[in-house]
C-alpha atoms as a PDB file:
ATOM      1  CA  MET A   1     102.027  91.521  83.218  1.00  0.00           C
ATOM      2  CA  ASN A   2     105.603  90.635  83.993  1.00  0.00           C
ATOM      3  CA  LYS A   3     108.501  92.026  86.000  1.00  0.00           C
ATOM      4  CA  ASP A   4     109.824  94.114  83.082  1.00  0.00           C
ATOM      5  CA  ILE A   5     106.447  95.781  82.540  1.00  0.00           C
ATOM      6  CA  PHE A   6     106.131  96.436  86.290  1.00  0.00           C
ATOM      7  CA  HIS A   7     109.607  97.993  86.380  1.00  0.00           C
ATOM      8  CA  SER A   8     108.780 100.164  83.362  1.00  0.00           C
ATOM      9  CA  TYR A   9     105.554 101.252  85.078  1.00  0.00           C
ATOM     10  CA  LEU A  10     107.449 102.283  88.226  1.00  0.00           C
ATOM     11  CA  LYS A  11     109.987 104.214  86.165  1.00  0.00           C
ATOM     12  CA  GLN A  12     107.285 106.093  84.233  1.00  0.00           C
ATOM     13  CA  LEU A  13     105.293 106.728  87.412  1.00  0.00           C
ATOM     14  CA  SER A  14     108.374 108.213  89.077  1.00  0.00           C
ATOM     15  CA  GLU A  15     108.820 110.619  86.155  1.00  0.00           C
ATOM     16  CA  HIS A  16     105.278 111.959  86.547  1.00  0.00           C
ATOM     17  CA  LYS A  17     105.478 114.759  89.110  1.00  0.00           C
ATOM     18  CA  PRO A  18     109.014 113.735  90.070  1.00  0.00           C
ATOM     19  CA  ASN A  19     109.035 115.761  93.303  1.00  0.00           C
ATOM     20  CA  GLU A  20     106.018 113.876  94.616  1.00  0.00           C
ATOM     21  CA  LEU A  21     106.450 110.820  96.867  1.00  0.00           C
ATOM     22  CA  LYS A  22     104.409 107.868  95.635  1.00  0.00           C
ATOM     23  CA  ILE A  23     103.354 104.890  97.727  1.00  0.00           C
ATOM     24  CA  VAL A  24     102.611 101.845  95.579  1.00  0.00           C
ATOM     25  CA  VAL A  25     100.721  99.023  97.257  1.00  0.00           C
ATOM     26  CA  ILE A  26     101.812  95.627  95.946  1.00  0.00           C
ATOM     27  CA  ASP A  27     100.747  92.096  96.695  1.00  0.00           C
ATOM     28  CA  ASN A  28     102.681  88.861  96.285  1.00  0.00           C
ATOM     29  CA  ALA A  29     102.174  88.500  92.535  1.00  0.00           C
ATOM     30  CA  GLY A  30     105.282  87.098  90.873  1.00  0.00           C
ATOM     31  CA  PHE A  31     105.788  90.205  88.748  1.00  0.00           C
ATOM     32  CA  HIS A  32     105.961  92.315  91.925  1.00  0.00           C
ATOM     33  CA  SER A  33     109.296  90.701  92.751  1.00  0.00           C
ATOM     34  CA  THR A  34     111.773  93.493  93.306  1.00  0.00           C
ATOM     35  CA  LYS A  35     114.873  91.312  93.524  1.00  0.00           C
ATOM     36  CA  ASP A  36     117.619  92.948  91.455  1.00  0.00           C
ATOM     37  CA  MET A  37     115.303  95.866  90.636  1.00  0.00           C
ATOM     38  CA  GLU A  38     116.216  99.484  91.252  1.00  0.00           C
ATOM     39  CA  ILE A  39     113.235 101.295  92.759  1.00  0.00           C
ATOM     40  CA  PRO A  40     113.094 105.024  91.951  1.00  0.00           C
ATOM     41  CA  GLU A  41     113.844 107.316  94.916  1.00  0.00           C
ATOM     42  CA  ASN A  42     110.385 108.908  94.904  1.00  0.00           C
ATOM     43  CA  ILE A  43     108.541 105.579  95.082  1.00  0.00           C
ATOM     44  CA  LYS A  44     108.023 103.504  98.209  1.00  0.00           C
ATOM     45  CA  LEU A  45     106.582 100.025  97.893  1.00  0.00           C
ATOM     46  CA  LEU A  46     104.159  98.816 100.542  1.00  0.00           C
ATOM     47  CA  ARG A  47     103.707  95.047 100.366  1.00  0.00           C
ATOM     48  CA  ILE A  48     100.420  93.731 101.710  1.00  0.00           C
ATOM     49  CA  PRO A  49     100.190  90.317 103.395  1.00  0.00           C
ATOM     50  CA  PRO A  50      99.033  87.302 101.364  1.00  0.00           C
ATOM     51  CA  TYR A  51      95.293  86.689 101.080  1.00  0.00           C
ATOM     52  CA  THR A  52      94.212  90.198 102.083  1.00  0.00           C
ATOM     53  CA  PRO A  53      92.103  91.443  99.169  1.00  0.00           C
ATOM     54  CA  GLU A  54      90.507  93.986 101.500  1.00  0.00           C
ATOM     55  CA  LEU A  55      93.867  95.809 101.552  1.00  0.00           C
ATOM     56  CA  ASN A  56      94.393  95.663  97.789  1.00  0.00           C
ATOM     57  CA  PRO A  57      93.239  98.929  96.157  1.00  0.00           C
ATOM     58  CA  CYS A  58      92.589  97.176  92.830  1.00  0.00           C
ATOM     59  CA  GLU A  59      90.247  94.711  94.511  1.00  0.00           C
ATOM     60  CA  GLN A  60      88.369  97.582  96.156  1.00  0.00           C
ATOM     61  CA  ILE A  61      87.916  99.367  92.829  1.00  0.00           C
ATOM     62  CA  TRP A  62      86.671  96.159  91.177  1.00  0.00           C
ATOM     63  CA  ALA A  63      84.185  95.612  94.014  1.00  0.00           C
ATOM     64  CA  TYR A  64      82.872  99.156  93.497  1.00  0.00           C
ATOM     65  CA  ILE A  65      82.508  98.613  89.741  1.00  0.00           C
ATOM     66  CA  LYS A  66      80.848  95.212  90.151  1.00  0.00           C
ATOM     67  CA  LYS A  67      78.156  96.691  92.401  1.00  0.00           C
ATOM     68  CA  ARG A  68      77.210  99.057  89.571  1.00  0.00           C
ATOM     69  CA  PHE A  69      77.612  96.403  86.872  1.00  0.00           C
ATOM     70  CA  LYS A  70      75.385  93.663  88.253  1.00  0.00           C
ATOM     71  CA  ASN A  71      71.863  93.255  86.900  1.00  0.00           C
ATOM     72  CA  ASN A  72      72.743  95.177  83.728  1.00  0.00           C
ATOM     73  CA  VAL A  73      72.126  93.469  80.392  1.00  0.00           C
ATOM     74  CA  TYR A  74      74.334  94.101  77.364  1.00  0.00           C
ATOM     75  CA  GLU A  75      73.557  93.172  73.787  1.00  0.00           C
ATOM     76  CA  ASN A  76      77.145  92.114  73.079  1.00  0.00           C
ATOM     77  CA  LEU A  77      80.683  92.139  74.403  1.00  0.00           C
ATOM     78  CA  GLN A  78      81.519  95.462  72.750  1.00  0.00           C
ATOM     79  CA  GLU A  79      78.632  97.154  74.544  1.00  0.00           C
ATOM     80  CA  LEU A  80      79.951  95.810  77.846  1.00  0.00           C
ATOM     81  CA  LYS A  81      83.472  97.018  77.025  1.00  0.00           C
ATOM     82  CA  ASP A  82      82.133 100.452  76.119  1.00  0.00           C
ATOM     83  CA  TRP A  83      80.180 100.648  79.384  1.00  0.00           C
ATOM     84  CA  LEU A  84      83.238  99.671  81.434  1.00  0.00           C
ATOM     85  CA  LYS A  85      85.533 102.103  79.611  1.00  0.00           C
ATOM     86  CA  ASN A  86      83.063 104.953  80.054  1.00  0.00           C
ATOM     87  CA  PHE A  87      82.494 104.097  83.719  1.00  0.00           C
ATOM     88  CA  VAL A  88      86.209 104.010  84.577  1.00  0.00           C
ATOM     89  CA  GLU A  89      87.019 107.167  82.612  1.00  0.00           C
ATOM     90  CA  ASN A  90      84.297 109.067  84.461  1.00  0.00           C
ATOM     91  CA  MET A  91      85.298 108.047  87.989  1.00  0.00           C
ATOM     92  CA  SER A  92      86.401 111.176  89.822  1.00  0.00           C
ATOM     93  CA  GLN A  93      89.624 111.328  91.801  1.00  0.00           C
ATOM     94  CA  GLU A  94      87.542 111.953  94.918  1.00  0.00           C
ATOM     95  CA  THR A  95      85.565 108.755  94.327  1.00  0.00           C
ATOM     96  CA  ILE A  96      88.715 106.720  93.792  1.00  0.00           C
ATOM     97  CA  LYS A  97      90.348 108.169  96.906  1.00  0.00           C
ATOM     98  CA  SER A  98      87.244 107.394  98.963  1.00  0.00           C
ATOM     99  CA  ILE A  99      87.282 103.778  97.777  1.00  0.00           C
ATOM    100  CA  VAL A 100      90.977 103.037  98.260  1.00  0.00           C
ATOM    101  CA  GLY A 101      91.718 105.390 101.158  1.00  0.00           C
ATOM    102  CA  ASN A 102      92.932 103.258 104.012  1.00  0.00           C
ATOM    103  CA  LYS A 103      94.672 104.600 107.111  1.00  0.00           C
ATOM    104  CA  HIS A 104      96.446 101.243 107.503  1.00  0.00           C
ATOM    105  CA  TYR A 105      98.642 102.037 104.490  1.00  0.00           C
ATOM    106  CA  LEU A 106      99.936 105.288 105.956  1.00  0.00           C
ATOM    107  CA  ASN A 107     100.362 103.764 109.419  1.00  0.00           C
ATOM    108  CA  ALA A 108     102.427 100.925 107.957  1.00  0.00           C
ATOM    109  CA  PHE A 109     104.443 103.302 105.808  1.00  0.00           C
ATOM    110  CA  TYR A 110     105.375 105.602 108.689  1.00  0.00           C
ATOM    111  CA  ALA A 111     106.115 102.696 111.040  1.00  0.00           C
ATOM    112  CA  LYS A 112     109.189 101.738 108.982  1.00  0.00           C
END
């Protein structure tokens, strides 16, 4: 991941349902630097404080997956990859929203 890939992601995300406002939670990763970057109008970035994995949606999803992954045995790496791909593809939107839903994001967004 680098800044160019992140910028391309934001651009493509903004083009999907362009009339929809999108809040993207970012941490302090170097590629999240927005210096000299034009952020699309329908995207708002919400930066979380350093060392707060509990606020990072990606960390919450990984924690959810790891709980279901532990104590499983796989014959080889491909079997593990297949399990992970299948698991992620079959996660419902409701499940994802329940994992990453956090009132603190909306409170911080509307406080600005």
